[in-house]
Amino acid sequence: TRVDFVLNSHPVMMAPDTREFLNLLRAADAGGVRRALYFLTHPTAARVAFASRQNHTSHLEIPYWSTTPYLFGQERAVKYIAQPVAPRHTALPSPLTDTYLHDRLRAHLRESDASFDFLIQFQTDSRRMPIEDATVEWREAESPYVRVARIVIPRQDIEAAGRDDACEQISFNPWHCLVDHRPLGSLNRARREIYDAM
């Protein structure tokens, strides 16, 4: 069975649910005063937007989160995290080019494999770790991460002939999953329709 894990480089979303996400998209699309007013009246969204806009040093040096919860068996919920096994902390290049992330990925994987621990985090308190509010981070202090697997990205040439075309043929959807591990919450229910349409 194919299982897709869709992860994000920030632990939470800017909007708690589908209704507010639509309001955010409309404000962002309108731009100008309407966008500014949205962020002024939604400080959580503004804080997440600011934090998530940082320049990362490399795709392989940062953790990734599911941001939304998933079923784990019949009665438990989890979030997923992928953390670099041996994180590097290289400096940002100067100047910061439009291709620096691609360049670093290419250089790293030419030299060595990259490894991530795949972790789960159980919901231990439904009030402090809600299903329907994707702006709430499930704190590791309240529910420690549990390693369940290791992801190894083998050493390779990411610019090999045909690689870009093959990548463009790949699709992913968080609803490509086992029934006992299906996505939870309104944002994931919306994703089911949106990803199918895309």
N, C-alpha and C. Protein backbone atom coordinates (compact mmCIF):
# COMPACT_ATOMS: atom_id res chain seq x y z
N THR A 1 0.84 -1.18 0.00
CA THR A 1 0.00 0.00 0.00
C THR A 1 0.88 1.24 0.00
N ARG A 2 0.55 2.15 -0.87
CA ARG A 2 1.30 3.41 -0.94
C ARG A 2 0.83 4.34 0.17
N VAL A 3 1.77 4.94 0.85
CA VAL A 3 1.47 5.93 1.89
C VAL A 3 2.28 7.18 1.59
N ASP A 4 1.59 8.31 1.48
CA ASP A 4 2.26 9.59 1.25
C ASP A 4 2.29 10.38 2.55
N PHE A 5 3.46 10.92 2.89
CA PHE A 5 3.59 11.80 4.04
C PHE A 5 3.91 13.20 3.51
N VAL A 6 3.01 14.14 3.74
CA VAL A 6 3.20 15.51 3.28
C VAL A 6 3.63 16.33 4.48
N LEU A 7 4.85 16.82 4.45
CA LEU A 7 5.43 17.52 5.60
C LEU A 7 5.77 18.96 5.25
N ASN A 8 5.92 19.77 6.29
CA ASN A 8 6.11 21.21 6.16
C ASN A 8 7.34 21.61 6.98
N SER A 9 8.01 22.67 6.57
CA SER A 9 9.21 23.11 7.28
C SER A 9 8.90 23.99 8.49
N HIS A 10 7.63 24.08 8.88
CA HIS A 10 7.24 24.81 10.09
C HIS A 10 6.23 23.95 10.85
N PRO A 11 6.23 23.95 12.17
CA PRO A 11 5.40 23.00 12.93
C PRO A 11 3.90 23.28 12.93
N VAL A 12 3.50 24.48 12.54
CA VAL A 12 2.07 24.81 12.56
C VAL A 12 1.67 25.55 11.28
N MET A 13 0.37 25.65 11.07
CA MET A 13 -0.18 26.38 9.92
C MET A 13 -0.52 27.80 10.36
N MET A 14 -0.72 28.69 9.38
CA MET A 14 -1.10 30.07 9.68
C MET A 14 -2.57 30.20 10.06
N ALA A 15 -3.39 29.23 9.66
CA ALA A 15 -4.82 29.28 9.95
C ALA A 15 -5.24 28.01 10.66
N PRO A 16 -6.20 28.11 11.58
CA PRO A 16 -6.58 26.93 12.37
C PRO A 16 -7.41 25.90 11.61
N ASP A 17 -8.21 26.36 10.64
CA ASP A 17 -9.15 25.47 9.97
C ASP A 17 -9.44 25.97 8.56
N THR A 18 -10.30 25.27 7.84
CA THR A 18 -10.55 25.61 6.44
C THR A 18 -11.22 26.97 6.28
N ARG A 19 -12.16 27.29 7.13
CA ARG A 19 -12.86 28.58 7.01
C ARG A 19 -11.87 29.74 7.12
N GLU A 20 -11.01 29.68 8.13
CA GLU A 20 -10.05 30.77 8.31
C GLU A 20 -8.96 30.74 7.25
N PHE A 21 -8.61 29.56 6.76
CA PHE A 21 -7.62 29.47 5.70
C PHE A 21 -8.15 30.14 4.43
N LEU A 22 -9.44 29.98 4.14
CA LEU A 22 -10.04 30.65 2.99
C LEU A 22 -10.00 32.17 3.18
N ASN A 23 -10.29 32.65 4.39
CA ASN A 23 -10.20 34.09 4.65
C ASN A 23 -8.78 34.60 4.44
N LEU A 24 -7.81 33.83 4.88
CA LEU A 24 -6.41 34.19 4.69
C LEU A 24 -6.06 34.26 3.21
N LEU A 25 -6.47 33.27 2.44
CA LEU A 25 -6.18 33.25 1.01
C LEU A 25 -6.82 34.44 0.29
N ARG A 26 -8.05 34.76 0.68
CA ARG A 26 -8.73 35.90 0.05
C ARG A 26 -8.01 37.21 0.36
N ALA A 27 -7.57 37.35 1.61
CA ALA A 27 -6.85 38.57 1.99
C ALA A 27 -5.51 38.66 1.27
N ALA A 28 -4.81 37.53 1.20
CA ALA A 28 -3.51 37.52 0.52
C ALA A 28 -3.68 37.83 -0.96
N ASP A 29 -4.73 37.28 -1.57
CA ASP A 29 -4.98 37.53 -2.99
C ASP A 29 -5.34 39.00 -3.24
N ALA A 30 -6.10 39.59 -2.33
CA ALA A 30 -6.49 40.99 -2.49
C ALA A 30 -5.29 41.91 -2.36
N GLY A 31 -4.35 41.53 -1.48
CA GLY A 31 -3.15 42.33 -1.30
C GLY A 31 -3.41 43.66 -0.61
N GLY A 32 -2.39 44.49 -0.60
CA GLY A 32 -2.50 45.85 -0.08
C GLY A 32 -3.06 45.95 1.32
N VAL A 33 -4.01 46.86 1.49
CA VAL A 33 -4.59 47.15 2.80
C VAL A 33 -5.31 45.94 3.37
N ARG A 34 -6.01 45.22 2.51
CA ARG A 34 -6.77 44.06 3.01
C ARG A 34 -5.84 42.99 3.58
N ARG A 35 -4.72 42.73 2.92
CA ARG A 35 -3.76 41.76 3.43
C ARG A 35 -3.16 42.26 4.75
N ALA A 36 -2.76 43.50 4.78
CA ALA A 36 -2.17 44.06 6.00
C ALA A 36 -3.17 44.02 7.15
N LEU A 37 -4.42 44.37 6.88
CA LEU A 37 -5.45 44.35 7.92
C LEU A 37 -5.68 42.94 8.45
N TYR A 38 -5.63 41.96 7.55
CA TYR A 38 -5.82 40.57 8.01
C TYR A 38 -4.74 40.21 9.03
N PHE A 39 -3.50 40.48 8.70
CA PHE A 39 -2.41 40.10 9.61
C PHE A 39 -2.42 40.94 10.89
N LEU A 40 -2.85 42.18 10.80
CA LEU A 40 -2.96 43.01 12.00
C LEU A 40 -4.04 42.48 12.95
N THR A 41 -5.09 41.91 12.41
CA THR A 41 -6.19 41.40 13.24
C THR A 41 -6.08 39.91 13.54
N HIS A 42 -5.05 39.26 12.99
CA HIS A 42 -4.82 37.84 13.24
C HIS A 42 -3.36 37.65 13.63
N PRO A 43 -3.01 37.99 14.89
CA PRO A 43 -1.60 37.96 15.28
C PRO A 43 -0.95 36.58 15.20
N THR A 44 -1.72 35.52 15.42
CA THR A 44 -1.13 34.18 15.30
C THR A 44 -0.68 33.94 13.86
N ALA A 45 -1.53 34.27 12.90
CA ALA A 45 -1.16 34.11 11.50
C ALA A 45 0.06 34.95 11.15
N ALA A 46 0.11 36.18 11.67
CA ALA A 46 1.27 37.05 11.40
C ALA A 46 2.55 36.46 11.99
N ARG A 47 2.46 35.94 13.21
CA ARG A 47 3.63 35.35 13.87
C ARG A 47 4.14 34.12 13.10
N VAL A 48 3.22 33.25 12.68
CA VAL A 48 3.61 32.05 11.93
C VAL A 48 4.18 32.44 10.57
N ALA A 49 3.55 33.40 9.90
CA ALA A 49 4.04 33.85 8.60
C ALA A 49 5.47 34.38 8.71
N PHE A 50 5.72 35.18 9.72
CA PHE A 50 7.05 35.75 9.92
C PHE A 50 8.07 34.65 10.21
N ALA A 51 7.73 33.72 11.11
CA ALA A 51 8.66 32.66 11.49
C ALA A 51 8.94 31.71 10.33
N SER A 52 7.94 31.46 9.51
CA SER A 52 8.11 30.48 8.43
C SER A 52 8.81 31.05 7.21
N ARG A 53 9.04 32.35 7.18
CA ARG A 53 9.67 32.98 6.02
C ARG A 53 11.20 33.04 6.13
N GLN A 54 11.76 32.46 7.18
CA GLN A 54 13.21 32.51 7.31
C GLN A 54 13.89 31.71 6.21
N ASN A 55 15.09 32.10 5.87
CA ASN A 55 15.88 31.37 4.88
C ASN A 55 16.60 30.22 5.57
N HIS A 56 16.29 29.01 5.16
CA HIS A 56 16.98 27.84 5.70
C HIS A 56 18.31 27.65 4.99
N THR A 57 19.24 27.03 5.68
CA THR A 57 20.57 26.83 5.10
C THR A 57 20.58 25.70 4.08
N SER A 58 19.72 24.69 4.26
CA SER A 58 19.68 23.55 3.35
C SER A 58 18.41 22.75 3.61
N HIS A 59 17.87 22.14 2.57
CA HIS A 59 16.72 21.25 2.75
C HIS A 59 17.04 20.08 3.68
N LEU A 60 18.30 19.72 3.75
CA LEU A 60 18.71 18.52 4.51
C LEU A 60 19.16 18.84 5.93
N GLU A 61 19.06 20.09 6.34
CA GLU A 61 19.54 20.49 7.67
C GLU A 61 18.41 20.88 8.62
N ILE A 62 17.16 20.74 8.20
CA ILE A 62 16.04 21.20 9.02
C ILE A 62 15.05 20.07 9.27
N PRO A 63 14.27 20.19 10.35
CA PRO A 63 13.19 19.22 10.57
C PRO A 63 11.96 19.58 9.75
N TYR A 64 11.09 18.59 9.59
CA TYR A 64 9.82 18.77 8.90
C TYR A 64 8.70 18.19 9.76
N TRP A 65 7.54 18.83 9.71
CA TRP A 65 6.39 18.42 10.53
C TRP A 65 5.17 18.17 9.64
N SER A 66 4.27 17.31 10.11
CA SER A 66 3.01 17.12 9.40
C SER A 66 2.09 18.33 9.61
N THR A 67 2.26 19.07 10.65
CA THR A 67 1.48 20.24 11.07
C THR A 67 0.03 19.89 11.41
N THR A 68 -0.53 18.89 10.77
CA THR A 68 -1.89 18.44 11.04
C THR A 68 -1.83 17.02 11.58
N PRO A 69 -2.86 16.60 12.33
CA PRO A 69 -2.82 15.27 12.95
C PRO A 69 -3.35 14.15 12.04
N TYR A 70 -2.99 12.95 12.41
CA TYR A 70 -3.38 11.73 11.69
C TYR A 70 -3.81 10.69 12.70
N LEU A 71 -4.68 9.80 12.26
CA LEU A 71 -5.11 8.69 13.11
C LEU A 71 -3.96 7.72 13.29
N PHE A 72 -3.88 7.12 14.46
CA PHE A 72 -2.88 6.09 14.74
C PHE A 72 -3.63 4.91 15.37
N GLY A 73 -4.09 4.01 14.51
CA GLY A 73 -4.96 2.94 15.01
C GLY A 73 -6.37 3.47 15.14
N GLN A 74 -7.14 2.88 16.01
CA GLN A 74 -8.56 3.23 16.09
C GLN A 74 -8.87 4.44 16.96
N GLU A 75 -8.06 4.73 17.98
CA GLU A 75 -8.48 5.75 18.93
C GLU A 75 -7.41 6.78 19.28
N ARG A 76 -6.27 6.75 18.61
CA ARG A 76 -5.20 7.68 18.96
C ARG A 76 -4.87 8.57 17.78
N ALA A 77 -4.40 9.76 18.09
CA ALA A 77 -3.98 10.70 17.06
C ALA A 77 -2.49 11.00 17.24
N VAL A 78 -1.83 11.25 16.12
CA VAL A 78 -0.41 11.59 16.15
C VAL A 78 -0.13 12.70 15.16
N LYS A 79 1.00 13.34 15.35
CA LYS A 79 1.61 14.16 14.32
C LYS A 79 2.94 13.51 13.95
N TYR A 80 3.41 13.80 12.74
CA TYR A 80 4.66 13.23 12.24
C TYR A 80 5.75 14.30 12.20
N ILE A 81 6.97 13.86 12.43
CA ILE A 81 8.13 14.74 12.37
C ILE A 81 9.27 13.98 11.70
N ALA A 82 10.01 14.63 10.83
CA ALA A 82 11.24 14.06 10.27
C ALA A 82 12.38 14.99 10.66
N GLN A 83 13.35 14.44 11.40
CA GLN A 83 14.48 15.24 11.89
C GLN A 83 15.79 14.72 11.31
N PRO A 84 16.67 15.61 10.87
CA PRO A 84 17.98 15.13 10.40
C PRO A 84 18.68 14.34 11.50
N VAL A 85 19.28 13.21 11.11
CA VAL A 85 19.96 12.36 12.09
C VAL A 85 21.21 13.06 12.62
N ALA A 86 22.00 13.59 11.72
CA ALA A 86 23.23 14.30 12.13
C ALA A 86 23.15 15.70 11.54
N PRO A 87 22.42 16.58 12.20
CA PRO A 87 22.19 17.89 11.58
C PRO A 87 23.48 18.68 11.39
N ARG A 88 23.60 19.25 10.22
CA ARG A 88 24.68 20.19 9.94
C ARG A 88 24.12 21.59 10.18
N HIS A 89 24.97 22.51 10.43
CA HIS A 89 24.55 23.90 10.61
C HIS A 89 25.49 24.80 9.82
N THR A 90 25.34 24.74 8.51
CA THR A 90 26.19 25.58 7.67
C THR A 90 25.65 27.00 7.65
N ALA A 91 26.50 27.92 7.31
CA ALA A 91 26.08 29.32 7.23
C ALA A 91 25.37 29.58 5.91
N LEU A 92 24.51 30.57 5.91
CA LEU A 92 23.87 30.98 4.67
C LEU A 92 24.94 31.54 3.73
N PRO A 93 24.81 31.26 2.43
CA PRO A 93 25.80 31.81 1.50
C PRO A 93 25.63 33.33 1.35
N SER A 94 26.69 33.96 0.97
CA SER A 94 26.64 35.40 0.71
C SER A 94 27.34 35.65 -0.62
N PRO A 95 26.62 36.14 -1.60
CA PRO A 95 25.22 36.56 -1.54
C PRO A 95 24.27 35.36 -1.58
N LEU A 96 23.05 35.60 -1.18
CA LEU A 96 22.01 34.57 -1.17
C LEU A 96 21.41 34.49 -2.57
N THR A 97 21.75 33.46 -3.32
CA THR A 97 21.28 33.34 -4.70
C THR A 97 19.90 32.68 -4.75
N ASP A 98 19.26 32.76 -5.88
CA ASP A 98 17.95 32.13 -6.07
C ASP A 98 18.06 30.61 -6.09
N THR A 99 19.25 30.07 -6.33
CA THR A 99 19.41 28.62 -6.47
C THR A 99 20.21 27.98 -5.34
N TYR A 100 20.47 28.74 -4.26
CA TYR A 100 21.38 28.19 -3.24
C TYR A 100 20.87 26.90 -2.62
N LEU A 101 19.55 26.76 -2.42
CA LEU A 101 19.03 25.53 -1.82
C LEU A 101 19.25 24.33 -2.76
N HIS A 102 18.99 24.53 -4.03
CA HIS A 102 19.25 23.48 -5.02
C HIS A 102 20.74 23.14 -5.06
N ASP A 103 21.58 24.16 -5.06
CA ASP A 103 23.02 23.96 -5.12
C ASP A 103 23.52 23.16 -3.91
N ARG A 104 23.00 23.47 -2.74
CA ARG A 104 23.42 22.75 -1.54
C ARG A 104 22.93 21.31 -1.53
N LEU A 105 21.71 21.10 -1.99
CA LEU A 105 21.18 19.74 -2.08
C LEU A 105 22.03 18.91 -3.04
N ARG A 106 22.34 19.48 -4.19
CA ARG A 106 23.17 18.80 -5.18
C ARG A 106 24.54 18.45 -4.59
N ALA A 107 25.18 19.42 -3.93
CA ALA A 107 26.52 19.19 -3.38
C ALA A 107 26.51 18.14 -2.28
N HIS A 108 25.53 18.21 -1.38
CA HIS A 108 25.45 17.25 -0.27
C HIS A 108 25.28 15.83 -0.81
N LEU A 109 24.32 15.65 -1.72
CA LEU A 109 24.02 14.29 -2.17
C LEU A 109 25.05 13.76 -3.16
N ARG A 110 25.89 14.60 -3.70
CA ARG A 110 27.03 14.11 -4.49
C ARG A 110 28.06 13.46 -3.58
N GLU A 111 28.16 13.98 -2.34
CA GLU A 111 29.19 13.51 -1.41
C GLU A 111 28.72 12.37 -0.52
N SER A 112 27.46 12.42 -0.07
CA SER A 112 27.03 11.44 0.93
C SER A 112 25.52 11.29 0.98
N ASP A 113 25.09 10.23 1.65
CA ASP A 113 23.67 10.04 1.92
C ASP A 113 23.18 11.13 2.87
N ALA A 114 21.88 11.26 2.96
CA ALA A 114 21.26 12.12 3.98
C ALA A 114 20.25 11.26 4.73
N SER A 115 20.19 11.41 6.05
CA SER A 115 19.31 10.57 6.86
C SER A 115 18.45 11.42 7.78
N PHE A 116 17.19 11.01 7.91
CA PHE A 116 16.25 11.64 8.81
C PHE A 116 15.63 10.56 9.69
N ASP A 117 15.45 10.87 10.97
CA ASP A 117 14.63 10.01 11.83
C ASP A 117 13.18 10.38 11.61
N PHE A 118 12.33 9.37 11.43
CA PHE A 118 10.90 9.59 11.28
C PHE A 118 10.26 9.33 12.64
N LEU A 119 9.63 10.37 13.18
CA LEU A 119 9.12 10.34 14.54
C LEU A 119 7.61 10.52 14.55
N ILE A 120 6.99 10.00 15.59
CA ILE A 120 5.57 10.29 15.83
C ILE A 120 5.44 10.95 17.19
N GLN A 121 4.39 11.73 17.33
CA GLN A 121 4.10 12.41 18.58
C GLN A 121 2.63 12.16 18.90
N PHE A 122 2.36 11.46 19.98
CA PHE A 122 0.99 11.12 20.36
C PHE A 122 0.26 12.30 20.97
N GLN A 123 -1.01 12.42 20.65
CA GLN A 123 -1.87 13.39 21.33
C GLN A 123 -2.11 12.86 22.75
N THR A 124 -1.72 13.64 23.74
CA THR A 124 -1.89 13.22 25.13
C THR A 124 -2.92 14.06 25.88
N ASP A 125 -3.32 15.18 25.29
CA ASP A 125 -4.28 16.07 25.93
C ASP A 125 -5.09 16.74 24.81
N SER A 126 -6.36 16.39 24.68
CA SER A 126 -7.16 16.88 23.56
C SER A 126 -7.39 18.38 23.62
N ARG A 127 -7.26 18.98 24.78
CA ARG A 127 -7.46 20.43 24.89
C ARG A 127 -6.19 21.19 24.47
N ARG A 128 -5.05 20.75 24.95
CA ARG A 128 -3.80 21.43 24.61
C ARG A 128 -3.21 20.96 23.28
N MET A 129 -3.73 19.84 22.76
CA MET A 129 -3.24 19.29 21.50
C MET A 129 -4.45 19.01 20.61
N PRO A 130 -5.11 20.07 20.13
CA PRO A 130 -6.38 19.89 19.43
C PRO A 130 -6.21 19.29 18.03
N ILE A 131 -7.27 18.65 17.57
CA ILE A 131 -7.32 18.11 16.21
C ILE A 131 -7.68 19.21 15.21
N GLU A 132 -8.60 20.09 15.59
CA GLU A 132 -9.19 21.03 14.64
C GLU A 132 -8.54 22.42 14.63
N ASP A 133 -7.42 22.60 15.31
CA ASP A 133 -6.74 23.90 15.28
C ASP A 133 -5.28 23.68 14.88
N ALA A 134 -4.99 23.89 13.61
CA ALA A 134 -3.65 23.63 13.09
C ALA A 134 -2.64 24.71 13.45
N THR A 135 -3.06 25.74 14.19
CA THR A 135 -2.11 26.77 14.63
C THR A 135 -1.48 26.42 15.98
N VAL A 136 -1.94 25.36 16.61
CA VAL A 136 -1.44 24.97 17.93
C VAL A 136 -0.33 23.93 17.77
N GLU A 137 0.85 24.28 18.25
CA GLU A 137 1.95 23.32 18.22
C GLU A 137 1.80 22.32 19.36
N TRP A 138 1.96 21.06 19.03
CA TRP A 138 1.99 20.02 20.07
C TRP A 138 3.41 20.01 20.62
N ARG A 139 3.56 20.45 21.83
CA ARG A 139 4.89 20.64 22.42
C ARG A 139 5.55 19.30 22.74
N GLU A 140 6.81 19.20 22.39
CA GLU A 140 7.57 17.99 22.67
C GLU A 140 7.66 17.73 24.17
N ALA A 141 7.67 18.79 24.98
CA ALA A 141 7.73 18.63 26.44
C ALA A 141 6.48 17.92 26.97
N GLU A 142 5.35 18.10 26.29
CA GLU A 142 4.11 17.47 26.73
C GLU A 142 3.92 16.07 26.15
N SER A 143 4.55 15.82 25.04
CA SER A 143 4.46 14.51 24.39
C SER A 143 5.74 14.27 23.61
N PRO A 144 6.69 13.54 24.21
CA PRO A 144 7.99 13.33 23.56
C PRO A 144 7.84 12.61 22.21
N TYR A 145 8.73 12.96 21.29
CA TYR A 145 8.75 12.30 20.00
C TYR A 145 9.22 10.85 20.17
N VAL A 146 8.64 9.96 19.37
CA VAL A 146 9.00 8.54 19.39
C VAL A 146 9.51 8.17 18.00
N ARG A 147 10.75 7.68 17.92
CA ARG A 147 11.30 7.30 16.62
C ARG A 147 10.73 5.97 16.19
N VAL A 148 10.22 5.93 14.95
CA VAL A 148 9.64 4.69 14.43
C VAL A 148 10.34 4.20 13.17
N ALA A 149 11.14 5.05 12.55
CA ALA A 149 11.83 4.64 11.31
C ALA A 149 12.97 5.60 11.02
N ARG A 150 13.77 5.23 10.04
CA ARG A 150 14.82 6.11 9.54
C ARG A 150 14.66 6.21 8.03
N ILE A 151 14.71 7.43 7.54
CA ILE A 151 14.63 7.70 6.10
C ILE A 151 16.06 7.96 5.61
N VAL A 152 16.47 7.22 4.60
CA VAL A 152 17.80 7.43 4.02
C VAL A 152 17.63 7.87 2.58
N ILE A 153 18.15 9.04 2.28
CA ILE A 153 18.17 9.55 0.90
C ILE A 153 19.57 9.23 0.38
N PRO A 154 19.67 8.29 -0.55
CA PRO A 154 21.01 7.84 -0.97
C PRO A 154 21.78 8.89 -1.75
N ARG A 155 23.08 8.77 -1.67
CA ARG A 155 23.98 9.60 -2.47
C ARG A 155 23.58 9.48 -3.94
N GLN A 156 23.53 10.61 -4.65
CA GLN A 156 23.04 10.58 -6.02
C GLN A 156 23.34 11.89 -6.73
N ASP A 157 23.14 11.85 -8.04
CA ASP A 157 23.24 13.06 -8.85
C ASP A 157 21.82 13.53 -9.10
N ILE A 158 21.41 14.60 -8.45
CA ILE A 158 20.03 15.07 -8.59
C ILE A 158 19.78 15.72 -9.95
N GLU A 159 20.83 15.92 -10.72
CA GLU A 159 20.68 16.52 -12.05
C GLU A 159 20.87 15.50 -13.17
N ALA A 160 20.79 14.20 -12.83
CA ALA A 160 20.93 13.15 -13.84
C ALA A 160 19.86 13.31 -14.92
N ALA A 161 20.18 12.89 -16.11
CA ALA A 161 19.25 13.01 -17.24
C ALA A 161 17.92 12.34 -16.91
N GLY A 162 16.83 13.03 -17.20
CA GLY A 162 15.50 12.48 -16.98
C GLY A 162 14.95 12.67 -15.59
N ARG A 163 15.78 13.12 -14.65
CA ARG A 163 15.35 13.25 -13.25
C ARG A 163 14.24 14.29 -13.11
N ASP A 164 14.38 15.44 -13.74
CA ASP A 164 13.35 16.48 -13.64
C ASP A 164 12.02 16.02 -14.22
N ASP A 165 12.07 15.35 -15.37
CA ASP A 165 10.84 14.86 -16.00
C ASP A 165 10.16 13.81 -15.11
N ALA A 166 10.96 12.92 -14.54
CA ALA A 166 10.39 11.89 -13.66
C ALA A 166 9.74 12.53 -12.44
N CYS A 167 10.38 13.56 -11.90
CA CYS A 167 9.84 14.26 -10.73
C CYS A 167 8.49 14.90 -11.05
N GLU A 168 8.37 15.47 -12.23
CA GLU A 168 7.12 16.13 -12.63
C GLU A 168 5.97 15.15 -12.79
N GLN A 169 6.27 13.87 -12.93
CA GLN A 169 5.22 12.86 -13.08
C GLN A 169 4.72 12.32 -11.74
N ILE A 170 5.36 12.71 -10.67
CA ILE A 170 4.99 12.20 -9.34
C ILE A 170 3.86 13.04 -8.76
N SER A 171 2.89 12.37 -8.16
CA SER A 171 1.85 13.08 -7.42
C SER A 171 1.86 12.58 -5.99
N PHE A 172 1.31 13.36 -5.10
CA PHE A 172 1.23 12.94 -3.70
C PHE A 172 -0.04 13.49 -3.10
N ASN A 173 -0.51 12.80 -2.08
CA ASN A 173 -1.77 13.16 -1.45
C ASN A 173 -1.77 12.54 -0.05
N PRO A 174 -2.03 13.34 0.99
CA PRO A 174 -2.02 12.77 2.35
C PRO A 174 -3.09 11.69 2.54
N TRP A 175 -4.05 11.61 1.61
CA TRP A 175 -5.08 10.56 1.71
C TRP A 175 -4.66 9.26 1.03
N HIS A 176 -3.46 9.20 0.48
CA HIS A 176 -2.89 7.92 0.05
C HIS A 176 -2.30 7.30 1.32
N CYS A 177 -3.12 6.53 2.02
CA CYS A 177 -2.72 6.06 3.34
C CYS A 177 -3.52 4.82 3.71
N LEU A 178 -3.12 4.20 4.80
CA LEU A 178 -3.91 3.12 5.39
C LEU A 178 -5.09 3.74 6.13
N VAL A 179 -6.21 3.05 6.15
CA VAL A 179 -7.41 3.57 6.81
C VAL A 179 -7.12 3.89 8.27
N ASP A 180 -6.34 3.06 8.94
CA ASP A 180 -6.05 3.28 10.37
C ASP A 180 -5.08 4.43 10.61
N HIS A 181 -4.57 5.03 9.53
CA HIS A 181 -3.64 6.15 9.67
C HIS A 181 -4.09 7.34 8.82
N ARG A 182 -5.39 7.47 8.65
CA ARG A 182 -5.91 8.53 7.78
C ARG A 182 -5.78 9.90 8.43
N PRO A 183 -5.76 10.94 7.59
CA PRO A 183 -5.65 12.32 8.09
C PRO A 183 -6.88 12.72 8.90
N LEU A 184 -6.67 13.63 9.85
CA LEU A 184 -7.74 14.13 10.71
C LEU A 184 -7.85 15.65 10.58
N GLY A 185 -9.01 16.18 10.88
CA GLY A 185 -9.22 17.63 10.92
C GLY A 185 -9.74 18.20 9.61
N SER A 186 -10.30 19.40 9.70
CA SER A 186 -10.94 20.02 8.54
C SER A 186 -9.95 20.34 7.42
N LEU A 187 -8.74 20.77 7.76
CA LEU A 187 -7.77 21.08 6.71
C LEU A 187 -7.43 19.83 5.91
N ASN A 188 -7.31 18.70 6.56
CA ASN A 188 -7.03 17.46 5.85
C ASN A 188 -8.24 16.99 5.05
N ARG A 189 -9.44 17.21 5.55
CA ARG A 189 -10.62 16.84 4.77
C ARG A 189 -10.69 17.68 3.49
N ALA A 190 -10.33 18.95 3.59
CA ALA A 190 -10.29 19.80 2.39
C ALA A 190 -9.19 19.34 1.44
N ARG A 191 -8.07 18.93 1.98
CA ARG A 191 -6.96 18.45 1.15
C ARG A 191 -7.39 17.27 0.27
N ARG A 192 -8.25 16.41 0.79
CA ARG A 192 -8.69 15.25 0.03
C ARG A 192 -9.29 15.70 -1.31
N GLU A 193 -10.12 16.74 -1.28
CA GLU A 193 -10.76 17.22 -2.50
C GLU A 193 -9.77 18.01 -3.35
N ILE A 194 -8.98 18.86 -2.70
CA ILE A 194 -8.06 19.74 -3.44
C ILE A 194 -6.97 18.94 -4.14
N TYR A 195 -6.34 18.00 -3.44
CA TYR A 195 -5.27 17.23 -4.04
C TYR A 195 -5.79 16.37 -5.18
N ASP A 196 -6.99 15.81 -5.04
CA ASP A 196 -7.56 15.03 -6.14
C ASP A 196 -7.78 15.91 -7.36
N ALA A 197 -8.27 17.12 -7.14
CA ALA A 197 -8.52 18.04 -8.25
C ALA A 197 -7.23 18.47 -8.93
N MET A 198 -6.16 18.60 -8.13
CA MET A 198 -4.88 19.03 -8.69
C MET A 198 -4.23 17.92 -9.48
